[in-house]
PDB file of N, CA and C in Angstrom:
ATOM      1  N   MET A   1     101.235 116.911  62.393  1.00  0.00           N
ATOM      2  CA  MET A   1     100.893 116.108  61.764  1.00  0.00           C
ATOM      3  C   MET A   1     100.546 116.900  60.461  1.00  0.00           C
ATOM      4  N   THR A   2     101.473 116.513  59.265  1.00  0.00           N
ATOM      5  CA  THR A   2     101.325 116.934  58.154  1.00  0.00           C
ATOM      6  C   THR A   2     100.848 116.605  57.003  1.00  0.00           C
ATOM      7  N   THR A   3      99.388 117.561  56.563  1.00  0.00           N
ATOM      8  CA  THR A   3      98.580 116.848  55.920  1.00  0.00           C
ATOM      9  C   THR A   3      99.056 117.293  53.795  1.00  0.00           C
ATOM     10  N   VAL A   4      99.341 116.167  53.190  1.00  0.00           N
ATOM     11  CA  VAL A   4      98.951 116.283  51.287  1.00  0.00           C
ATOM     12  C   VAL A   4      97.617 116.786  50.933  1.00  0.00           C
ATOM     13  N   PHE A   5      97.601 117.605  49.780  1.00  0.00           N
ATOM     14  CA  PHE A   5      96.271 117.444  49.425  1.00  0.00           C
ATOM     15  C   PHE A   5      96.307 118.332  47.726  1.00  0.00           C
ATOM     16  N   ALA A   6      96.162 116.886  47.249  1.00  0.00           N
ATOM     17  CA  ALA A   6      96.505 116.807  45.980  1.00  0.00           C
ATOM     18  C   ALA A   6      95.142 116.570  44.544  1.00  0.00           C
ATOM     19  N   ILE A   7      94.968 117.989  44.076  1.00  0.00           N
ATOM     20  CA  ILE A   7      94.564 117.267  42.725  1.00  0.00           C
ATOM     21  C   ILE A   7      95.599 117.150  41.452  1.00  0.00           C
ATOM     22  N   LEU A   8      94.389 115.914  41.141  1.00  0.00           N
ATOM     23  CA  LEU A   8      94.852 115.531  39.506  1.00  0.00           C
ATOM     24  C   LEU A   8      94.441 115.137  37.977  1.00  0.00           C
ATOM     25  N   LYS A   9      94.350 115.346  37.515  1.00  0.00           N
ATOM     26  CA  LYS A   9      93.821 115.632  35.861  1.00  0.00           C
ATOM     27  C   LYS A   9      94.415 113.880  35.126  1.00  0.00           C
ATOM     28  N   ALA A  10      93.533 113.070  35.248  1.00  0.00           N
ATOM     29  CA  ALA A  10      93.636 111.751  34.131  1.00  0.00           C
ATOM     30  C   ALA A  10      93.759 112.967  32.721  1.00  0.00           C
ATOM     31  N   ARG A  11      94.177 111.487  31.725  1.00  0.00           N
ATOM     32  CA  ARG A  11      94.174 111.630  30.200  1.00  0.00           C
ATOM     33  C   ARG A  11      92.683 110.941  30.407  1.00  0.00           C
ATOM     34  N   PRO A  12      91.703 111.255  29.753  1.00  0.00           N
ATOM     35  CA  PRO A  12      90.453 111.179  29.396  1.00  0.00           C
ATOM     36  C   PRO A  12      91.058 109.274  28.873  1.00  0.00           C
ATOM     37  N   GLU A  13      91.435 109.035  28.239  1.00  0.00           N
ATOM     38  CA  GLU A  13      91.954 107.416  27.741  1.00  0.00           C
ATOM     39  C   GLU A  13      92.668 107.138  29.272  1.00  0.00           C
ATOM     40  N   ARG A  14      92.603 107.632  30.382  1.00  0.00           N
ATOM     41  CA  ARG A  14      93.758 106.582  31.344  1.00  0.00           C
ATOM     42  C   ARG A  14      92.861 106.851  32.316  1.00  0.00           C
ATOM     43  N   VAL A  15      91.649 107.404  32.701  1.00  0.00           N
ATOM     44  CA  VAL A  15      90.617 107.455  34.134  1.00  0.00           C
ATOM     45  C   VAL A  15      91.206 105.617  34.491  1.00  0.00           C
ATOM     46  N   SER A  16      90.654 104.932  33.944  1.00  0.00           N
ATOM     47  CA  SER A  16      90.440 104.189  34.038  1.00  0.00           C
ATOM     48  C   SER A  16      92.038 103.698  35.170  1.00  0.00           C
ATOM     49  N   GLU A  17      93.340 103.548  34.436  1.00  0.00           N
ATOM     50  CA  GLU A  17      94.527 102.932  34.862  1.00  0.00           C
ATOM     51  C   GLU A  17      95.038 104.584  36.224  1.00  0.00           C
ATOM     52  N   VAL A  18      95.153 105.772  36.046  1.00  0.00           N
ATOM     53  CA  VAL A  18      94.735 106.735  37.084  1.00  0.00           C
ATOM     54  C   VAL A  18      94.504 105.868  38.743  1.00  0.00           C
ATOM     55  N   GLN A  19      92.726 105.536  38.397  1.00  0.00           N
ATOM     56  CA  GLN A  19      92.223 105.225  39.925  1.00  0.00           C
ATOM     57  C   GLN A  19      92.952 103.963  40.129  1.00  0.00           C
ATOM     58  N   GLN A  20      93.449 102.794  39.521  1.00  0.00           N
ATOM     59  CA  GLN A  20      94.117 101.659  40.108  1.00  0.00           C
ATOM     60  C   GLN A  20      95.501 102.200  40.636  1.00  0.00           C
ATOM     61  N   VAL A  21      96.466 103.013  40.222  1.00  0.00           N
ATOM     62  CA  VAL A  21      97.666 103.493  40.211  1.00  0.00           C
ATOM     63  C   VAL A  21      97.216 104.110  41.584  1.00  0.00           C
ATOM     64  N   LEU A  22      96.384 105.077  42.193  1.00  0.00           N
ATOM     65  CA  LEU A  22      96.106 106.353  43.377  1.00  0.00           C
ATOM     66  C   LEU A  22      95.664 105.046  44.448  1.00  0.00           C
ATOM     67  N   LEU A  23      94.681 103.957  43.925  1.00  0.00           N
ATOM     68  CA  LEU A  23      94.534 103.124  45.242  1.00  0.00           C
ATOM     69  C   LEU A  23      95.395 101.557  45.378  1.00  0.00           C
ATOM     70  N   GLU A  24      96.383 101.752  44.476  1.00  0.00           N
ATOM     71  CA  GLU A  24      97.264 101.030  44.603  1.00  0.00           C
ATOM     72  C   GLU A  24      97.944 101.289  45.902  1.00  0.00           C
ATOM     73  N   LEU A  25      98.652 102.956  45.498  1.00  0.00           N
ATOM     74  CA  LEU A  25      99.214 104.010  45.635  1.00  0.00           C
ATOM     75  C   LEU A  25      98.796 104.053  47.659  1.00  0.00           C
ATOM     76  N   LYS A  26      97.415 104.234  47.673  1.00  0.00           N
ATOM     77  CA  LYS A  26      96.957 104.289  49.196  1.00  0.00           C
ATOM     78  C   LYS A  26      97.127 103.126  50.197  1.00  0.00           C
ATOM     79  N   ARG A  27      96.952 101.998  48.604  1.00  0.00           N
ATOM     80  CA  ARG A  27      97.465 100.554  50.087  1.00  0.00           C
ATOM     81  C   ARG A  27      98.950 100.418  50.028  1.00  0.00           C
ATOM     82  N   LEU A  28     100.032 100.358  49.361  1.00  0.00           N
ATOM     83  CA  LEU A  28     100.920 100.651  49.678  1.00  0.00           C
ATOM     84  C   LEU A  28     101.390 102.056  51.131  1.00  0.00           C
ATOM     85  N   THR A  29     100.717 103.039  50.929  1.00  0.00           N
ATOM     86  CA  THR A  29     101.127 104.030  51.992  1.00  0.00           C
ATOM     87  C   THR A  29     100.292 103.841  53.568  1.00  0.00           C
ATOM     88  N   ARG A  30      99.099 103.108  52.822  1.00  0.00           N
ATOM     89  CA  ARG A  30      98.659 102.534  54.503  1.00  0.00           C
ATOM     90  C   ARG A  30      99.882 102.239  55.010  1.00  0.00           C
ATOM     91  N   GLU A  31     101.210 101.113  54.868  1.00  0.00           N
ATOM     92  CA  GLU A  31     101.820 100.383  54.950  1.00  0.00           C
ATOM     93  C   GLU A  31     102.590 100.882  55.504  1.00  0.00           C
ATOM     94  N   GLU A  32     102.986 102.181  55.557  1.00  0.00           N
ATOM     95  CA  GLU A  32     104.560 103.050  55.716  1.00  0.00           C
ATOM     96  C   GLU A  32     103.252 103.447  57.447  1.00  0.00           C
ATOM     97  N   GLY A  33     104.954 103.099  58.429  1.00  0.00           N
ATOM     98  CA  GLY A  33     104.404 103.911  59.979  1.00  0.00           C
ATOM     99  C   GLY A  33     104.523 104.918  59.754  1.00  0.00           C
ATOM    100  N   GLY A  34     104.719 105.946  59.184  1.00  0.00           N
ATOM    101  CA  GLY A  34     104.485 107.448  59.715  1.00  0.00           C
ATOM    102  C   GLY A  34     102.934 107.962  58.865  1.00  0.00           C
ATOM    103  N   SER A  35     102.022 106.553  58.273  1.00  0.00           N
ATOM    104  CA  SER A  35     101.041 106.778  57.844  1.00  0.00           C
ATOM    105  C   SER A  35     100.133 106.965  58.725  1.00  0.00           C
ATOM    106  N   VAL A  36      99.263 108.583  59.230  1.00  0.00           N
ATOM    107  CA  VAL A  36      97.787 108.487  59.013  1.00  0.00           C
ATOM    108  C   VAL A  36      96.437 108.041  59.003  1.00  0.00           C
ATOM    109  N   ASP A  37      96.109 108.916  57.106  1.00  0.00           N
ATOM    110  CA  ASP A  37      94.968 108.320  56.951  1.00  0.00           C
ATOM    111  C   ASP A  37      95.758 108.587  55.064  1.00  0.00           C
ATOM    112  N   TYR A  38      94.747 108.147  54.760  1.00  0.00           N
ATOM    113  CA  TYR A  38      95.483 108.649  52.755  1.00  0.00           C
ATOM    114  C   TYR A  38      93.940 107.932  51.824  1.00  0.00           C
ATOM    115  N   GLY A  39      93.335 109.054  51.795  1.00  0.00           N
ATOM    116  CA  GLY A  39      91.844 109.162  50.740  1.00  0.00           C
ATOM    117  C   GLY A  39      92.185 109.644  49.821  1.00  0.00           C
ATOM    118  N   VAL A  40      90.938 108.361  48.560  1.00  0.00           N
ATOM    119  CA  VAL A  40      90.786 109.161  46.877  1.00  0.00           C
ATOM    120  C   VAL A  40      90.099 109.198  46.770  1.00  0.00           C
ATOM    121  N   PHE A  41      89.480 109.997  46.064  1.00  0.00           N
ATOM    122  CA  PHE A  41      88.279 110.626  46.154  1.00  0.00           C
ATOM    123  C   PHE A  41      88.330 110.703  44.433  1.00  0.00           C
ATOM    124  N   ARG A  42      87.653 110.279  43.757  1.00  0.00           N
ATOM    125  CA  ARG A  42      86.711 110.620  41.885  1.00  0.00           C
ATOM    126  C   ARG A  42      85.820 112.021  41.920  1.00  0.00           C
ATOM    127  N   GLY A  43      86.412 113.028  40.907  1.00  0.00           N
ATOM    128  CA  GLY A  43      85.603 113.767  41.026  1.00  0.00           C
ATOM    129  C   GLY A  43      85.149 114.368  39.372  1.00  0.00           C
ATOM    130  N   ASP A  44      84.180 114.933  38.882  1.00  0.00           N
ATOM    131  CA  ASP A  44      84.037 114.986  37.667  1.00  0.00           C
ATOM    132  C   ASP A  44      85.290 114.997  36.627  1.00  0.00           C
ATOM    133  N   ASP A  45      84.741 115.046  35.672  1.00  0.00           N
ATOM    134  CA  ASP A  45      86.142 114.730  33.866  1.00  0.00           C
ATOM    135  C   ASP A  45      87.733 114.256  34.552  1.00  0.00           C
ATOM    136  N   GLY A  46      87.551 112.870  34.964  1.00  0.00           N
ATOM    137  CA  GLY A  46      88.794 112.628  35.580  1.00  0.00           C
ATOM    138  C   GLY A  46      89.531 113.035  36.347  1.00  0.00           C
ATOM    139  N   VAL A  47      89.330 113.907  37.301  1.00  0.00           N
ATOM    140  CA  VAL A  47      90.078 114.560  37.609  1.00  0.00           C
ATOM    141  C   VAL A  47      90.087 113.349  39.636  1.00  0.00           C
ATOM    142  N   PHE A  48      90.821 113.910  40.244  1.00  0.00           N
ATOM    143  CA  PHE A  48      91.288 112.924  41.382  1.00  0.00           C
ATOM    144  C   PHE A  48      91.789 114.194  42.412  1.00  0.00           C
ATOM    145  N   LEU A  49      91.092 113.949  43.910  1.00  0.00           N
ATOM    146  CA  LEU A  49      92.195 114.425  44.377  1.00  0.00           C
ATOM    147  C   LEU A  49      92.536 113.741  45.757  1.00  0.00           C
ATOM    148  N   VAL A  50      93.646 113.478  46.101  1.00  0.00           N
ATOM    149  CA  VAL A  50      94.152 113.052  46.755  1.00  0.00           C
ATOM    150  C   VAL A  50      93.940 114.199  48.466  1.00  0.00           C
ATOM    151  N   PHE A  51      93.742 113.034  49.555  1.00  0.00           N
ATOM    152  CA  PHE A  51      94.903 113.463  51.091  1.00  0.00           C
ATOM    153  C   PHE A  51      95.106 112.310  51.492  1.00  0.00           C
ATOM    154  N   GLU A  52      95.991 113.325  52.499  1.00  0.00           N
ATOM    155  CA  GLU A  52      96.528 112.469  53.225  1.00  0.00           C
ATOM    156  C   GLU A  52      97.627 113.412  54.023  1.00  0.00           C
ATOM    157  N   ARG A  53      97.980 112.202  55.567  1.00  0.00           N
ATOM    158  CA  ARG A  53      97.975 112.567  56.504  1.00  0.00           C
ATOM    159  C   ARG A  53      99.076 111.761  56.573  1.00  0.00           C
ATOM    160  N   TYR A  54     100.314 112.387  57.373  1.00  0.00           N
ATOM    161  CA  TYR A  54     101.628 112.015  58.346  1.00  0.00           C
ATOM    162  C   TYR A  54     101.649 112.287  59.603  1.00  0.00           C
ATOM    163  N   VAL A  55     102.449 111.475  60.337  1.00  0.00           N
ATOM    164  CA  VAL A  55     102.472 112.218  61.316  1.00  0.00           C
ATOM    165  C   VAL A  55     102.927 113.773  61.776  1.00  0.00           C
ATOM    166  N   ASP A  56     104.289 113.532  60.548  1.00  0.00           N
ATOM    167  CA  ASP A  56     105.538 114.457  60.993  1.00  0.00           C
ATOM    168  C   ASP A  56     105.427 114.807  60.055  1.00  0.00           C
ATOM    169  N   GLN A  57     106.471 115.697  59.276  1.00  0.00           N
ATOM    170  CA  GLN A  57     107.951 116.132  58.221  1.00  0.00           C
ATOM    171  C   GLN A  57     108.163 115.125  57.404  1.00  0.00           C
ATOM    172  N   SER A  58     108.833 114.175  58.291  1.00  0.00           N
ATOM    173  CA  SER A  58     109.549 113.221  58.503  1.00  0.00           C
ATOM    174  C   SER A  58     109.117 112.074  57.517  1.00  0.00           C
ATOM    175  N   ALA A  59     107.875 111.732  58.483  1.00  0.00           N
ATOM    176  CA  ALA A  59     107.400 111.102  57.360  1.00  0.00           C
ATOM    177  C   ALA A  59     106.679 111.007  56.160  1.00  0.00           C
ATOM    178  N   CYS A  60     106.147 111.980  56.461  1.00  0.00           N
ATOM    179  CA  CYS A  60     106.241 112.657  54.426  1.00  0.00           C
ATOM    180  C   CYS A  60     106.578 112.966  53.205  1.00  0.00           C
ATOM    181  N   ASP A  61     108.295 113.323  54.327  1.00  0.00           N
ATOM    182  CA  ASP A  61     108.970 112.992  52.853  1.00  0.00           C
ATOM    183  C   ASP A  61     109.315 112.150  52.963  1.00  0.00           C
ATOM    184  N   ALA A  62     109.595 110.629  54.111  1.00  0.00           N
ATOM    185  CA  ALA A  62     110.155 109.349  53.610  1.00  0.00           C
ATOM    186  C   ALA A  62     108.959 108.849  52.698  1.00  0.00           C
ATOM    187  N   HIS A  63     108.060 109.387  52.773  1.00  0.00           N
ATOM    188  CA  HIS A  63     106.818 107.913  51.466  1.00  0.00           C
ATOM    189  C   HIS A  63     106.998 108.870  50.133  1.00  0.00           C
ATOM    190  N   PHE A  64     107.341 110.397  50.505  1.00  0.00           N
ATOM    191  CA  PHE A  64     107.894 110.574  49.149  1.00  0.00           C
ATOM    192  C   PHE A  64     109.562 110.499  48.168  1.00  0.00           C
ATOM    193  N   ALA A  65     110.075 110.081  49.036  1.00  0.00           N
ATOM    194  CA  ALA A  65     111.330 108.744  49.083  1.00  0.00           C
ATOM    195  C   ALA A  65     111.127 107.305  48.453  1.00  0.00           C
ATOM    196  N   THR A  66     109.948 106.955  48.255  1.00  0.00           N
ATOM    197  CA  THR A  66     109.994 105.543  48.036  1.00  0.00           C
ATOM    198  C   THR A  66     109.753 105.432  46.740  1.00  0.00           C
ATOM    199  N   PRO A  67     109.851 104.007  46.629  1.00  0.00           N
ATOM    200  CA  PRO A  67     109.933 104.080  44.954  1.00  0.00           C
ATOM    201  C   PRO A  67     108.851 103.837  44.172  1.00  0.00           C
ATOM    202  N   TYR A  68     108.174 103.350  44.992  1.00  0.00           N
ATOM    203  CA  TYR A  68     106.247 103.843  44.412  1.00  0.00           C
ATOM    204  C   TYR A  68     106.148 105.128  43.989  1.00  0.00           C
ATOM    205  N   VAL A  69     106.546 105.833  45.099  1.00  0.00           N
ATOM    206  CA  VAL A  69     106.222 107.545  44.516  1.00  0.00           C
ATOM    207  C   VAL A  69     106.866 107.803  43.481  1.00  0.00           C
ATOM    208  N   SER A  70     108.554 107.892  43.241  1.00  0.00           N
ATOM    209  CA  SER A  70     109.036 108.003  42.493  1.00  0.00           C
ATOM    210  C   SER A  70     108.298 107.168  40.652  1.00  0.00           C
ATOM    211  N   ALA A  71     108.168 106.049  40.942  1.00  0.00           N
ATOM    212  CA  ALA A  71     107.615 105.104  39.902  1.00  0.00           C
ATOM    213  C   ALA A  71     106.396 106.339  39.261  1.00  0.00           C
ATOM    214  N   PHE A  72     105.866 106.887  39.848  1.00  0.00           N
ATOM    215  CA  PHE A  72     104.265 106.927  39.909  1.00  0.00           C
ATOM    216  C   PHE A  72     104.490 109.097  39.805  1.00  0.00           C
ATOM    217  N   LEU A  73     105.876 109.351  39.885  1.00  0.00           N
ATOM    218  CA  LEU A  73     105.594 110.519  39.058  1.00  0.00           C
ATOM    219  C   LEU A  73     106.488 110.623  38.314  1.00  0.00           C
ATOM    220  N   ALA A  74     107.209 109.814  37.406  1.00  0.00           N
ATOM    221  CA  ALA A  74     107.501 110.156  36.497  1.00  0.00           C
ATOM    222  C   ALA A  74     106.577 108.991  35.559  1.00  0.00           C
ATOM    223  N   SER A  75     104.451 108.755  35.798  1.00  0.00           N
ATOM    224  CA  SER A  75     104.225 108.582  34.460  1.00  0.00           C
ATOM    225  C   SER A  75     103.465 109.361  34.828  1.00  0.00           C
ATOM    226  N   VAL A  76     103.524 110.803  35.409  1.00  0.00           N
ATOM    227  CA  VAL A  76     102.998 111.626  35.103  1.00  0.00           C
ATOM    228  C   VAL A  76     102.490 111.485  34.044  1.00  0.00           C
ATOM    229  N   PRO A  77     103.246 112.500  32.789  1.00  0.00           N
ATOM    230  CA  PRO A  77     103.333 112.634  31.541  1.00  0.00           C
ATOM    231  C   PRO A  77     102.223 111.700  30.957  1.00  0.00           C
ATOM    232  N   GLU A  78     102.401 110.673  31.466  1.00  0.00           N
ATOM    233  CA  GLU A  78     101.972 109.223  30.274  1.00  0.00           C
ATOM    234  C   GLU A  78      99.956 109.471  31.032  1.00  0.00           C
ATOM    235  N   LEU A  79      99.987 109.652  31.961  1.00  0.00           N
ATOM    236  CA  LEU A  79      98.863 109.600  32.939  1.00  0.00           C
ATOM    237  C   LEU A  79      97.954 110.482  32.930  1.00  0.00           C
ATOM    238  N   LEU A  80      98.419 111.966  33.629  1.00  0.00           N
ATOM    239  CA  LEU A  80      97.672 113.168  33.666  1.00  0.00           C
ATOM    240  C   LEU A  80      97.718 114.141  32.283  1.00  0.00           C
ATOM    241  N   THR A  81      96.828 114.433  32.597  1.00  0.00           N
ATOM    242  CA  THR A  81      97.217 115.995  31.563  1.00  0.00           C
ATOM    243  C   THR A  81      98.191 117.276  31.747  1.00  0.00           C
ATOM    244  N   GLY A  82      98.295 117.656  33.308  1.00  0.00           N
ATOM    245  CA  GLY A  82      99.520 117.938  33.632  1.00  0.00           C
ATOM    246  C   GLY A  82     100.021 117.819  35.173  1.00  0.00           C
ATOM    247  N   GLU A  83     101.105 118.863  35.399  1.00  0.00           N
ATOM    248  CA  GLU A  83     101.211 118.370  37.138  1.00  0.00           C
ATOM    249  C   GLU A  83     100.638 118.613  37.482  1.00  0.00           C
ATOM    250  N   PRO A  84     100.092 117.319  38.774  1.00  0.00           N
ATOM    251  CA  PRO A  84      99.653 117.380  39.881  1.00  0.00           C
ATOM    252  C   PRO A  84      99.668 118.691  40.442  1.00  0.00           C
ATOM    253  N   GLN A  85      98.719 118.685  41.686  1.00  0.00           N
ATOM    254  CA  GLN A  85      98.795 120.904  42.249  1.00  0.00           C
ATOM    255  C   GLN A  85      98.534 120.026  43.663  1.00  0.00           C
ATOM    256  N   VAL A  86     100.159 120.345  43.817  1.00  0.00           N
ATOM    257  CA  VAL A  86     100.175 119.523  45.689  1.00  0.00           C
ATOM    258  C   VAL A  86      99.894 120.737  46.704  1.00  0.00           C
ATOM    259  N   GLU A  87      99.644 120.416  47.598  1.00  0.00           N
ATOM    260  CA  GLU A  87      99.917 121.474  49.040  1.00  0.00           C
ATOM    261  C   GLU A  87      99.938 120.500  50.122  1.00  0.00           C
ATOM    262  N   PHE A  88     101.035 121.742  50.837  1.00  0.00           N
ATOM    263  CA  PHE A  88     101.316 120.520  52.072  1.00  0.00           C
ATOM    264  C   PHE A  88     100.772 121.493  53.213  1.00  0.00           C
ATOM    265  N   GLY A  89     100.402 121.013  54.134  1.00  0.00           N
ATOM    266  CA  GLY A  89      99.480 121.771  54.983  1.00  0.00           C
ATOM    267  C   GLY A  89     100.421 121.061  56.580  1.00  0.00           C
ATOM    268  N   THR A  90     100.036 121.910  58.058  1.00  0.00           N
ATOM    269  CA  THR A  90      99.321 121.070  59.062  1.00  0.00           C
ATOM    270  C   THR A  90      97.885 122.370  59.835  1.00  0.00           C
ATOM    271  N   GLU A  91      97.911 121.165  60.620  1.00  0.00           N
ATOM    272  CA  GLU A  91      96.488 121.686  60.856  1.00  0.00           C
ATOM    273  C   GLU A  91      96.777 122.475  61.934  1.00  0.00           C
ATOM    274  N   VAL A  92      96.424 123.312  61.819  1.00  0.00           N
ATOM    275  CA  VAL A  92      95.752 124.396  63.537  1.00  0.00           C
ATOM    276  C   VAL A  92      94.408 124.050  64.123  1.00  0.00           C
ATOM    277  N   SER A  93      94.846 124.570  65.163  1.00  0.00           N
ATOM    278  CA  SER A  93      94.417 123.989  66.567  1.00  0.00           C
ATOM    279  C   SER A  93      92.955 125.434  66.629  1.00  0.00           C
ATOM    280  N   ASP A  94      92.218 124.247  67.937  1.00  0.00           N
ATOM    281  CA  ASP A  94      91.158 125.200  67.746  1.00  0.00           C
ATOM    282  C   ASP A  94      91.364 126.407  68.764  1.00  0.00           C
ATOM    283  N   SER A  95      92.283 127.128  69.341  1.00  0.00           N
ATOM    284  CA  SER A  95      92.738 127.422  69.894  1.00  0.00           C
ATOM    285  C   SER A  95      93.273 128.698  68.944  1.00  0.00           C
ATOM    286  N   ILE A  96      93.058 130.178  69.583  1.00  0.00           N
ATOM    287  CA  ILE A  96      93.333 131.424  69.034  1.00  0.00           C
ATOM    288  C   ILE A  96      94.347 132.202  69.203  1.00  0.00           C
ATOM    289  N   PRO A  97      95.069 132.485  68.537  1.00  0.00           N
ATOM    290  CA  PRO A  97      96.514 133.007  69.244  1.00  0.00           C
ATOM    291  C   PRO A  97      96.465 134.055  70.163  1.00  0.00           C
ATOM    292  N   SER A  98      96.338 134.728  70.570  1.00  0.00           N
ATOM    293  CA  SER A  98      96.659 135.944  71.565  1.00  0.00           C
ATOM    294  C   SER A  98      97.119 137.184  70.775  1.00  0.00           C
TER     295      SER A  98
END
């Protein structure tokens, strides 16, 4: 399972628009075959936290290659105060390696 964590800071005058765009991305992403979960959370001062889970890295790569993700990334300079902070990870198991 591949997980994506993203922190996005909306321009003050674009907070509502960023929220709408992220919710539309959530809707579209949930229709993807390899998408397991997609959550959008709103923090203080126009900060949005996005949590995405995919069945594997290939599904994650396919997501980032979609036209709607490309369109969102192209709009980042207009909507956000800077580039999104994005981290990728794989879930660790409960067992402790010896």
